[in-house]
Protein backbone atom coordinates (compact mmCIF):
# COMPACT_ATOMS: atom_id res chain seq x y z
CA MET A 1 58.78 86.61 89.52
CA HIS A 2 58.85 90.07 87.93
CA PHE A 3 57.11 91.10 84.72
CA LYS A 4 60.20 90.98 82.48
CA GLY A 5 61.07 87.49 83.73
CA GLU A 6 57.52 86.28 83.10
CA GLU A 7 57.61 87.80 79.63
CA ALA A 8 60.80 85.90 78.79
CA LYS A 9 59.38 82.69 80.26
CA ARG A 10 56.21 83.03 78.19
CA ALA A 11 58.20 83.58 74.98
CA MET A 12 60.26 80.47 75.70
CA GLU A 13 57.26 78.28 76.42
CA GLU A 14 55.53 79.46 73.24
CA ALA A 15 58.67 78.44 71.34
CA ARG A 16 58.62 75.04 73.05
CA GLU A 17 54.99 74.56 72.01
CA ILE A 18 55.73 75.49 68.37
CA ILE A 19 58.57 72.96 68.10
CA ALA A 20 56.64 70.23 69.93
CA ARG A 21 53.61 70.68 67.66
CA GLU A 22 55.79 70.35 64.55
CA ILE A 23 56.85 66.81 65.51
CA GLY A 24 53.62 65.65 67.16
CA ALA A 25 54.98 65.83 70.72
CA LYS A 26 53.84 67.35 74.01
CA TYR A 27 55.49 70.61 74.96
CA LYS A 28 56.90 69.09 78.19
CA GLU A 29 58.72 66.51 76.06
CA ILE A 30 60.98 69.18 74.51
CA ILE A 31 64.21 69.95 76.39
CA PHE A 32 66.29 72.87 75.11
CA THR A 33 70.06 72.37 74.87
CA GLY A 34 73.07 74.34 73.65
CA SER A 35 73.46 72.29 70.46
CA GLY A 36 72.66 69.08 68.64
CA THR A 37 75.99 67.71 69.87
CA GLU A 38 74.98 68.27 73.48
CA ALA A 39 71.61 66.62 72.90
CA ASN A 40 73.21 63.53 71.32
CA ASN A 41 75.68 63.26 74.22
CA PHE A 42 72.81 63.66 76.68
CA VAL A 43 70.81 60.81 75.14
CA LEU A 44 73.56 58.21 74.92
CA LYS A 45 75.33 58.98 78.19
CA GLY A 46 72.14 59.76 80.09
CA LEU A 47 70.46 56.48 79.14
CA PHE A 48 73.59 54.44 79.85
CA PHE A 49 74.07 55.90 83.33
CA ALA A 50 70.35 55.72 84.12
CA ASN A 51 70.45 51.98 83.43
CA LYS A 52 73.72 51.56 85.31
CA GLY A 53 72.31 53.37 88.33
CA ALA A 54 69.12 51.29 88.29
CA ASN A 55 71.08 48.01 87.94
CA THR A 56 68.97 46.92 84.96
CA GLY A 57 71.81 44.87 83.53
CA LYS A 58 71.47 46.72 80.24
CA ASN A 59 74.67 48.22 78.82
CA HIS A 60 74.37 47.73 75.05
CA ILE A 61 73.93 50.53 72.48
CA ILE A 62 73.49 50.09 68.72
CA ILE A 63 74.40 52.83 66.24
CA SER A 64 74.96 52.93 62.49
CA LYS A 65 78.40 53.38 60.95
CA ILE A 66 77.33 56.69 59.36
CA GLU A 67 76.40 58.60 62.52
CA HIS A 68 77.59 62.13 63.20
CA ASP A 69 80.97 62.40 64.93
CA CYS A 70 79.35 63.43 68.22
CA VAL A 71 77.47 60.11 68.35
CA LEU A 72 80.50 58.05 67.32
CA ASN A 73 82.80 59.79 69.80
CA SER A 74 80.24 59.57 72.61
CA CYS A 75 80.05 55.82 72.04
CA LYS A 76 83.84 55.47 71.98
CA TRP A 77 83.93 57.23 75.36
CA LEU A 78 81.09 55.08 76.72
CA GLU A 79 83.01 51.93 75.77
CA LYS A 80 85.62 53.01 78.31
CA GLN A 81 82.85 53.24 80.92
CA GLY A 82 81.72 49.66 80.31
CA ALA A 83 79.21 50.08 77.48
CA GLN A 84 79.00 47.53 74.70
CA ILE A 85 78.60 49.23 71.31
CA THR A 86 77.50 47.60 68.06
CA TYR A 87 78.18 49.50 64.83
CA ILE A 88 75.64 48.47 62.16
CA ASP A 89 76.68 48.37 58.48
CA VAL A 90 74.83 50.30 55.79
CA ASP A 91 74.39 49.54 52.09
CA LYS A 92 75.93 51.44 49.18
CA GLN A 93 73.33 54.22 49.48
CA GLY A 94 73.64 54.51 53.25
CA PHE A 95 70.53 52.61 54.39
CA VAL A 96 70.55 50.47 57.54
CA ASN A 97 69.87 46.78 56.92
CA LEU A 98 66.78 45.97 58.99
CA GLU A 99 67.58 42.24 59.27
CA ASN A 100 71.05 43.02 60.61
CA LEU A 101 69.49 45.41 63.10
CA LYS A 102 67.06 42.73 64.34
CA LYS A 103 69.93 40.30 64.86
CA ALA A 104 72.04 42.88 66.71
CA ILE A 105 69.43 43.62 69.42
CA THR A 106 69.88 41.62 72.63
CA ASP A 107 68.22 41.59 76.04
CA LYS A 108 70.95 44.01 77.17
CA THR A 109 70.23 46.62 74.48
CA ILE A 110 69.19 50.03 75.82
CA VAL A 111 68.80 52.09 72.68
CA VAL A 112 69.25 52.08 68.92
CA SER A 113 70.50 55.43 67.56
CA VAL A 114 70.22 56.01 63.81
CA ILE A 115 70.62 59.38 62.11
CA HIS A 116 67.43 60.35 60.23
CA GLY A 117 68.84 62.44 57.37
CA ASN A 118 72.57 61.94 56.96
CA ASN A 119 74.57 65.17 57.04
CA GLU A 120 77.05 64.05 54.37
CA ILE A 121 75.14 61.93 51.84
CA GLY A 122 71.52 62.96 52.48
CA THR A 123 70.15 59.44 53.08
CA ILE A 124 66.74 59.51 54.82
CA GLN A 125 66.25 56.37 56.92
CA ASP A 126 62.96 54.51 57.31
CA LEU A 127 62.47 55.37 60.99
CA GLU A 128 59.00 53.87 61.15
CA SER A 129 60.33 50.39 60.29
CA ILE A 130 63.40 50.79 62.51
CA GLY A 131 61.21 51.97 65.39
CA LYS A 132 58.80 49.09 64.94
CA ILE A 133 61.67 46.61 65.30
CA CYS A 134 62.94 48.43 68.41
CA HIS A 135 59.54 48.49 70.08
CA GLU A 136 58.90 44.80 69.33
CA LYS A 137 62.17 44.11 71.17
CA ASN A 138 61.39 46.55 74.02
CA VAL A 139 64.28 48.83 73.01
CA LEU A 140 64.29 52.63 72.68
CA LEU A 141 64.83 54.40 69.35
CA HIS A 142 66.79 57.65 69.21
CA THR A 143 67.37 59.61 66.03
CA ASP A 144 69.55 62.60 65.22
CA ALA A 145 67.17 64.68 63.11
CA CYS A 146 69.21 67.88 62.98
CA GLN A 147 69.49 67.71 59.19
CA SER A 148 66.00 66.41 58.43
CA PHE A 149 63.86 68.56 60.75
CA MET A 150 61.54 70.76 58.66
CA LYS A 151 62.92 69.23 55.44
CA THR A 152 60.93 66.00 55.54
CA PRO A 153 57.84 65.04 57.58
CA ILE A 154 58.47 63.89 61.15
CA ASN A 155 55.91 62.59 63.62
CA VAL A 156 57.31 60.95 66.73
CA LYS A 157 54.24 58.77 67.28
CA LYS A 158 53.76 57.55 63.70
CA GLN A 159 57.48 56.89 63.30
CA ASN A 160 57.93 55.14 66.67
CA ILE A 161 60.54 57.65 67.89
CA ASP A 162 61.35 57.75 71.62
CA LEU A 163 64.09 60.37 71.61
CA MET A 164 65.09 62.86 68.92
CA THR A 165 67.79 65.50 68.53
CA LEU A 166 67.06 68.82 66.79
CA ASN A 167 68.92 72.06 66.26
CA ALA A 168 68.21 75.53 64.93
CA HIS A 169 70.97 76.53 62.56
CA LYS A 170 70.22 73.88 59.92
CA ILE A 171 66.97 75.77 59.19
CA HIS A 172 68.52 79.27 59.23
CA GLY A 173 67.93 79.70 62.97
CA PRO A 174 70.58 80.92 65.42
CA LYS A 175 73.65 78.84 66.22
CA GLY A 176 74.19 77.61 69.76
CA VAL A 177 70.70 76.23 70.43
CA GLY A 178 69.34 72.71 70.09
CA ALA A 179 66.54 70.60 71.48
CA LEU A 180 65.95 67.05 72.60
CA TYR A 181 62.60 65.29 72.43
CA ILE A 182 62.28 62.79 75.29
CA LYS A 183 59.12 60.72 75.30
CA GLU A 184 57.24 61.10 78.55
CA GLY A 185 58.17 58.42 81.07
CA ILE A 186 61.70 57.66 79.84
CA LYS A 187 64.27 57.61 82.66
CA ILE A 188 67.45 59.51 81.78
CA THR A 189 70.30 60.86 83.90
CA PRO A 190 71.08 64.57 83.35
CA LEU A 191 74.54 65.56 82.17
CA LEU A 192 74.34 69.00 83.80
CA HIS A 193 73.39 69.58 87.43
CA GLY A 194 72.50 72.95 88.89
CA GLY A 195 69.35 75.00 89.18
CA GLY A 196 67.02 72.38 87.71
CA GLN A 197 65.99 74.19 84.54
CA GLU A 198 64.29 72.34 81.67
CA PHE A 199 62.12 70.12 83.89
CA LYS A 200 65.21 69.27 86.01
CA LEU A 201 66.82 67.55 83.04
CA ARG A 202 69.20 70.25 81.77
CA SER A 203 70.40 72.78 84.33
CA SER A 204 71.74 76.07 82.89
CA THR A 205 70.17 79.43 82.24
CA GLU A 206 68.21 79.01 79.03
CA ASN A 207 69.31 80.83 75.90
CA VAL A 208 66.01 82.68 75.53
CA PRO A 209 66.89 84.69 72.36
CA GLY A 210 68.24 81.53 70.71
CA ILE A 211 65.18 79.49 71.68
CA VAL A 212 62.77 82.15 70.41
CA GLY A 213 64.84 82.39 67.21
CA PHE A 214 64.66 78.61 66.83
CA ALA A 215 60.86 78.68 66.88
CA LYS A 216 60.78 81.68 64.53
CA ALA A 217 62.91 79.75 62.02
CA VAL A 218 60.45 76.85 62.24
CA LYS A 219 57.57 79.19 61.42
CA MET A 220 59.45 80.75 58.50
CA ILE A 221 60.03 77.60 56.46
CA GLY A 222 57.23 75.96 54.51
CA SER A 223 56.54 73.28 51.91
CA SER A 224 57.06 75.75 49.06
CA ASP A 225 60.61 76.38 50.31
CA ILE A 226 61.32 72.64 50.35
CA LYS A 227 60.01 72.20 46.80
CA LYS A 228 62.18 75.08 45.62
CA ILE A 229 65.31 73.66 47.28
CA GLU A 230 64.56 70.21 45.84
CA LYS A 231 64.22 71.64 42.34
CA LEU A 232 67.57 73.43 42.66
CA ARG A 233 69.18 70.27 44.06
CA ASN A 234 67.97 68.20 41.11
CA LYS A 235 69.25 70.72 38.61
CA LEU A 236 72.66 70.84 40.28
CA ILE A 237 72.98 67.05 40.52
CA GLN A 238 71.90 66.51 36.92
CA GLY A 239 74.34 69.15 35.72
CA ILE A 240 77.28 67.82 37.74
CA LEU A 241 76.71 64.25 36.54
CA LYS A 242 77.26 65.44 32.96
CA ILE A 243 80.93 65.82 33.91
CA PRO A 244 82.66 62.55 32.84
CA ASN A 245 83.65 60.04 35.55
CA THR A 246 81.53 61.65 38.25
CA LYS A 247 79.53 59.69 40.84
CA LEU A 248 76.64 60.74 43.08
CA ASN A 249 77.02 59.45 46.64
CA GLY A 250 73.89 58.46 48.54
CA PRO A 251 70.36 57.84 47.19
CA SER A 252 69.26 58.92 43.72
CA ILE A 253 66.99 61.93 43.32
CA GLU A 254 64.30 59.63 41.92
CA SER A 255 64.16 57.54 45.11
CA GLY A 256 62.55 60.30 47.19
CA LYS A 257 64.82 59.24 50.05
CA ARG A 258 67.41 62.00 49.82
CA LEU A 259 67.43 65.26 51.77
CA CYS A 260 66.13 68.09 49.61
CA ASN A 261 69.29 70.19 50.07
CA ASN A 262 72.10 67.63 49.81
CA ILE A 263 74.52 66.97 46.93
CA ASN A 264 77.59 64.78 47.47
CA VAL A 265 79.68 63.80 44.45
CA SER A 266 82.99 62.06 43.79
CA PHE A 267 85.29 63.04 40.93
CA MET A 268 87.70 60.35 39.78
CA ASN A 269 91.41 60.89 40.39
CA ILE A 270 91.40 64.38 41.89
CA GLU A 271 91.30 65.71 45.45
CA GLY A 272 88.00 67.07 46.72
CA GLU A 273 89.97 69.57 48.82
CA ALA A 274 91.52 70.98 45.64
CA VAL A 275 88.12 71.28 43.95
CA GLY A 276 86.77 73.04 47.03
CA GLY A 277 89.73 75.43 47.08
CA TYR A 278 89.18 76.50 43.46
CA LEU A 279 85.44 76.88 44.08
CA ASN A 280 86.14 79.04 47.10
CA VAL A 281 88.22 81.42 44.99
CA LYS A 282 85.20 81.72 42.69
CA GLY A 283 82.94 82.57 45.63
CA ILE A 284 81.29 79.13 45.83
CA SER A 285 81.10 77.44 49.23
CA SER A 286 81.42 73.65 49.44
CA SER A 287 82.82 71.15 51.92
CA THR A 288 84.51 67.77 52.04
CA GLY A 289 83.11 65.23 54.47
CA SER A 290 81.31 66.66 57.47
CA ALA A 291 81.26 70.41 58.02
CA CYS A 292 82.05 69.66 61.67
CA SER A 293 85.34 67.95 60.74
CA SER A 294 86.26 69.87 57.60
CA LYS A 295 89.79 70.61 58.89
CA SER A 296 90.57 66.89 59.05
CA LEU A 297 92.55 65.23 56.26
CA GLU A 298 91.12 61.79 57.09
CA SER A 299 88.74 60.12 54.65
CA SER A 300 85.06 60.54 55.53
CA HIS A 301 83.91 57.62 57.71
CA VAL A 302 80.48 57.94 56.08
CA LEU A 303 81.79 57.49 52.53
CA LEU A 304 84.05 54.62 53.60
CA ALA A 305 81.00 52.93 55.18
CA LEU A 306 79.33 53.02 51.74
CA GLY A 307 82.21 50.97 50.37
CA LEU A 308 84.09 53.79 48.62
CA SER A 309 87.86 53.47 48.47
CA PRO A 310 89.89 56.13 50.35
CA ILE A 311 90.85 57.65 46.98
CA MET A 312 87.20 57.93 45.92
CA ALA A 313 86.18 59.26 49.32
CA ASN A 314 88.88 61.91 49.17
CA SER A 315 87.74 62.98 45.70
CA SER A 316 84.31 63.97 47.04
CA ILE A 317 82.77 67.34 47.76
CA ARG A 318 79.42 68.31 49.22
CA PHE A 319 77.10 71.18 48.39
CA SER A 320 74.34 72.13 50.85
CA LEU A 321 71.49 74.29 49.62
CA GLY A 322 69.09 76.54 51.50
CA LYS A 323 65.90 78.43 50.82
CA TYR A 324 67.82 81.59 49.92
CA ASN A 325 69.76 79.98 47.07
CA THR A 326 68.75 80.93 43.53
CA GLU A 327 68.70 79.28 40.12
CA GLU A 328 71.28 81.82 38.95
CA GLU A 329 73.67 80.52 41.61
CA ILE A 330 73.16 76.94 40.42
CA ASP A 331 73.86 78.04 36.84
CA TYR A 332 77.05 79.74 38.04
CA VAL A 333 78.29 76.56 39.78
CA LEU A 334 77.60 74.50 36.65
CA GLU A 335 79.45 77.06 34.56
CA VAL A 336 82.54 77.06 36.80
CA LEU A 337 82.83 73.48 38.07
CA PRO A 338 83.53 71.52 34.84
CA GLY A 339 86.56 73.68 34.05
CA ILE A 340 87.98 73.20 37.54
CA VAL A 341 87.60 69.42 37.33
CA GLU A 342 89.18 69.31 33.86
CA LYS A 343 92.11 71.45 35.00
CA LEU A 344 92.78 69.32 38.10
CA ARG A 345 92.56 66.06 36.16
CA LYS A 346 95.18 67.27 33.70
CA ILE A 347 97.69 67.85 36.51
CA SER A 348 96.65 64.93 38.72
CA PRO A 349 99.36 62.28 39.33
CA ILE A 350 96.55 59.68 39.73
CA LYS A 351 95.36 58.37 36.36
């Protein structure tokens, strides 16, 4: 109740208002979390246990096969608790088949969870159409929008979104802070119990500096930044595809359905890990698969879901751009990369 406490509270509520306004939500519909992973766990587990506790008879959750690991692993855990999970296929560019989704929904379905902008291949789903199907069937739509927030327009009402996961560090905000949009009136069981913070939905002392930094990052990115990133992305993709036997994974740049900062490419007959290692020596940061599972030697589940063979999936690398990247850096990558690929193909045992 003292002045310093009120000052911190005011700063946090202003941040909540800024984030809510950006997605067309009410400020009380924004719940701050410690990460996007926590928010995704909260949605899936919280809805399942809310329905279980209310004896609704609903225990079915639908997700796509290209969800983030935290969604996939939450669902695997929920299966052990009695949940029924349906994993929806995607096409070769990563888009959910709407007819398959319609057929998968039953009277026991609680929620459909589909990632908005895929973290590996950049595919931007048509949430408005997915949400329309869900609402016609009286089912909730949740989306993980950590990658797409502030990179492509989002409006929870226009796009029929009931729950949405956000985080700060994908837009140059601080790590260790996320948010969950929960449409007013939705019943959900908290994961954390304690002092009743965040409208009694997420107990824990709030990370005030992180939350304020999250809102500041939102205010610091604009449409001109997105256009700049998109231009750099196009130049990098077009340059990489000049390398023989190279394939772009995910939607084309002409489709307008790819995240502005995402490049994912496969090189025939060489290991993506090896390409990334050589790039690292040259001061160029890239990743294979998801950044959250980059230590794993397993093929990316996202690339396999597109129909790529394990060899093709393992020959892939991903570049992620940000508003601080420059055209000179893109030129440098395009100068260095072809030589690395040529060198590795010469010594590759796979022909």
